[in-house]
Amino acid sequence: MSLRALALLAAIAALALGAVACGDDEEDEGVSIPSISVPETVPTVPETPTAPETTTPEGGGTGAGGGQPDSAENDVPPPSGSPQERFEQFCEQNPGACGD
């Protein structure tokens, strides 16, 4: 059997199966669609733990900032390699993205 004849036979078989599968629409009238119910619940959001506050001893402390808290007037650089440092680097490279 040639490849062309085999392809033709496969196409005829597919059409025959498609015609059988279509059937009569009136037979489907007895089919009911099951209903489902979803319980109404309010999703809960887990509490986000807060980082403990750190304090610097009065009288100066060590490092940049002189022991004063980080603020607009006293920019204390974040620890090297920290997420805060990566954020500040991103803001320096993309000033419009950080509200500057």
C-alpha atoms as a PDB file:
ATOM      1  CA  MET A   1       0.000   0.000   0.000  1.00  0.00           C
ATOM      2  CA  SER A   2       1.429   3.368  -0.960  1.00  0.00           C
ATOM      3  CA  LEU A   3       1.829   6.300   1.378  1.00  0.00           C
ATOM      4  CA  ARG A   4      -0.827   8.253  -0.541  1.00  0.00           C
ATOM      5  CA  ALA A   5      -3.353   5.410  -0.212  1.00  0.00           C
ATOM      6  CA  LEU A   6      -2.590   5.066   3.512  1.00  0.00           C
ATOM      7  CA  ALA A   7      -3.112   8.810   4.032  1.00  0.00           C
ATOM      8  CA  LEU A   8      -6.415   8.673   2.152  1.00  0.00           C
ATOM      9  CA  LEU A   9      -7.564   5.707   4.223  1.00  0.00           C
ATOM     10  CA  ALA A  10      -6.655   7.544   7.455  1.00  0.00           C
ATOM     11  CA  ALA A  11      -8.563  10.652   6.332  1.00  0.00           C
ATOM     12  CA  ILE A  12     -11.672   8.616   5.486  1.00  0.00           C
ATOM     13  CA  ALA A  13     -11.505   6.831   8.847  1.00  0.00           C
ATOM     14  CA  ALA A  14     -11.221  10.170  10.671  1.00  0.00           C
ATOM     15  CA  LEU A  15     -14.234  11.581   8.814  1.00  0.00           C
ATOM     16  CA  ALA A  16     -16.258   8.458   9.566  1.00  0.00           C
ATOM     17  CA  LEU A  17     -15.427   8.630  13.269  1.00  0.00           C
ATOM     18  CA  GLY A  18     -16.264  12.347  13.313  1.00  0.00           C
ATOM     19  CA  ALA A  19     -19.672  11.715  11.770  1.00  0.00           C
ATOM     20  CA  VAL A  20     -20.446   9.005  14.312  1.00  0.00           C
ATOM     21  CA  ALA A  21     -19.319  11.192  17.209  1.00  0.00           C
ATOM     22  CA  CYS A  22     -21.582  14.099  16.207  1.00  0.00           C
ATOM     23  CA  GLY A  23     -24.779  12.148  16.726  1.00  0.00           C
ATOM     24  CA  ASP A  24     -28.198  13.696  17.202  1.00  0.00           C
ATOM     25  CA  ASP A  25     -28.515  16.782  19.421  1.00  0.00           C
ATOM     26  CA  GLU A  26     -31.897  15.672  20.761  1.00  0.00           C
ATOM     27  CA  GLU A  27     -30.266  12.815  22.664  1.00  0.00           C
ATOM     28  CA  ASP A  28     -28.444  15.297  24.914  1.00  0.00           C
ATOM     29  CA  GLU A  29     -31.621  16.782  26.433  1.00  0.00           C
ATOM     30  CA  GLY A  30     -31.531  14.341  29.354  1.00  0.00           C
ATOM     31  CA  VAL A  31     -28.012  15.334  30.370  1.00  0.00           C
ATOM     32  CA  SER A  32     -27.830  17.614  33.386  1.00  0.00           C
ATOM     33  CA  ILE A  33     -24.889  19.742  34.349  1.00  0.00           C
ATOM     34  CA  PRO A  34     -23.834  19.147  37.946  1.00  0.00           C
ATOM     35  CA  SER A  35     -23.780  22.162  40.194  1.00  0.00           C
ATOM     36  CA  ILE A  36     -20.991  22.868  42.593  1.00  0.00           C
ATOM     37  CA  SER A  37     -20.920  25.113  45.593  1.00  0.00           C
ATOM     38  CA  VAL A  38     -17.956  26.986  46.919  1.00  0.00           C
ATOM     39  CA  PRO A  39     -17.989  27.786  50.619  1.00  0.00           C
ATOM     40  CA  GLU A  40     -17.788  31.469  51.346  1.00  0.00           C
ATOM     41  CA  THR A  41     -14.728  32.064  53.454  1.00  0.00           C
ATOM     42  CA  VAL A  42     -12.654  35.107  54.105  1.00  0.00           C
ATOM     43  CA  PRO A  43      -9.007  34.461  53.358  1.00  0.00           C
ATOM     44  CA  THR A  44      -6.706  35.166  56.224  1.00  0.00           C
ATOM     45  CA  VAL A  45      -3.461  37.012  55.768  1.00  0.00           C
ATOM     46  CA  PRO A  46      -0.652  35.866  58.024  1.00  0.00           C
ATOM     47  CA  GLU A  47       0.926  38.544  60.150  1.00  0.00           C
ATOM     48  CA  THR A  48       4.262  39.766  58.925  1.00  0.00           C
ATOM     49  CA  PRO A  49       6.819  39.646  61.693  1.00  0.00           C
ATOM     50  CA  THR A  50       8.526  42.936  62.322  1.00  0.00           C
ATOM     51  CA  ALA A  51      12.235  43.273  62.756  1.00  0.00           C
ATOM     52  CA  PRO A  52      13.325  44.214  66.251  1.00  0.00           C
ATOM     53  CA  GLU A  53      14.443  47.791  66.636  1.00  0.00           C
ATOM     54  CA  THR A  54      18.146  48.286  67.070  1.00  0.00           C
ATOM     55  CA  THR A  55      19.580  51.045  69.147  1.00  0.00           C
ATOM     56  CA  THR A  56      22.977  52.632  69.145  1.00  0.00           C
ATOM     57  CA  PRO A  57      24.513  53.707  72.403  1.00  0.00           C
ATOM     58  CA  GLU A  58      24.426  57.440  73.003  1.00  0.00           C
ATOM     59  CA  GLY A  59      27.634  59.316  72.520  1.00  0.00           C
ATOM     60  CA  GLY A  60      28.403  58.622  68.903  1.00  0.00           C
ATOM     61  CA  GLY A  61      28.696  54.933  68.198  1.00  0.00           C
ATOM     62  CA  THR A  62      30.900  53.753  65.380  1.00  0.00           C
ATOM     63  CA  GLY A  63      30.745  53.940  61.624  1.00  0.00           C
ATOM     64  CA  ALA A  64      28.925  56.318  59.294  1.00  0.00           C
ATOM     65  CA  GLY A  65      26.125  58.413  60.686  1.00  0.00           C
ATOM     66  CA  GLY A  66      27.683  58.965  64.110  1.00  0.00           C
ATOM     67  CA  GLY A  67      25.112  56.774  65.872  1.00  0.00           C
ATOM     68  CA  GLN A  68      22.166  58.766  64.570  1.00  0.00           C
ATOM     69  CA  PRO A  69      19.246  56.924  62.921  1.00  0.00           C
ATOM     70  CA  ASP A  70      19.076  56.757  59.148  1.00  0.00           C
ATOM     71  CA  SER A  71      17.010  59.660  57.798  1.00  0.00           C
ATOM     72  CA  ALA A  72      16.863  62.125  54.927  1.00  0.00           C
ATOM     73  CA  GLU A  73      19.208  64.425  56.859  1.00  0.00           C
ATOM     74  CA  ASN A  74      21.517  61.619  58.042  1.00  0.00           C
ATOM     75  CA  ASP A  75      22.006  58.984  55.330  1.00  0.00           C
ATOM     76  CA  VAL A  76      23.531  55.913  56.952  1.00  0.00           C
ATOM     77  CA  PRO A  77      24.721  53.439  54.309  1.00  0.00           C
ATOM     78  CA  PRO A  78      23.253  49.935  54.633  1.00  0.00           C
ATOM     79  CA  PRO A  79      25.441  46.895  55.310  1.00  0.00           C
ATOM     80  CA  SER A  80      27.428  45.696  52.310  1.00  0.00           C
ATOM     81  CA  GLY A  81      25.623  43.027  50.275  1.00  0.00           C
ATOM     82  CA  SER A  82      22.282  43.574  52.038  1.00  0.00           C
ATOM     83  CA  PRO A  83      18.914  43.897  50.254  1.00  0.00           C
ATOM     84  CA  GLN A  84      18.847  47.518  51.400  1.00  0.00           C
ATOM     85  CA  GLU A  85      22.165  48.176  49.644  1.00  0.00           C
ATOM     86  CA  ARG A  86      20.861  46.565  46.439  1.00  0.00           C
ATOM     87  CA  PHE A  87      17.732  48.756  46.682  1.00  0.00           C
ATOM     88  CA  GLU A  88      19.781  51.924  47.102  1.00  0.00           C
ATOM     89  CA  GLN A  89      21.976  50.947  44.142  1.00  0.00           C
ATOM     90  CA  PHE A  90      18.867  50.327  42.033  1.00  0.00           C
ATOM     91  CA  CYS A  91      17.477  53.737  42.999  1.00  0.00           C
ATOM     92  CA  GLU A  92      20.772  55.421  42.093  1.00  0.00           C
ATOM     93  CA  GLN A  93      20.663  53.762  38.661  1.00  0.00           C
ATOM     94  CA  ASN A  94      16.894  54.359  38.155  1.00  0.00           C
ATOM     95  CA  PRO A  95      15.971  57.577  39.993  1.00  0.00           C
ATOM     96  CA  GLY A  96      12.481  57.766  38.461  1.00  0.00           C
ATOM     97  CA  ALA A  97      11.567  54.303  39.780  1.00  0.00           C
ATOM     98  CA  CYS A  98      12.090  55.240  43.422  1.00  0.00           C
ATOM     99  CA  GLY A  99      10.195  58.514  43.582  1.00  0.00           C
ATOM    100  CA  ASP A 100      13.174  60.826  43.346  1.00  0.00           C
END
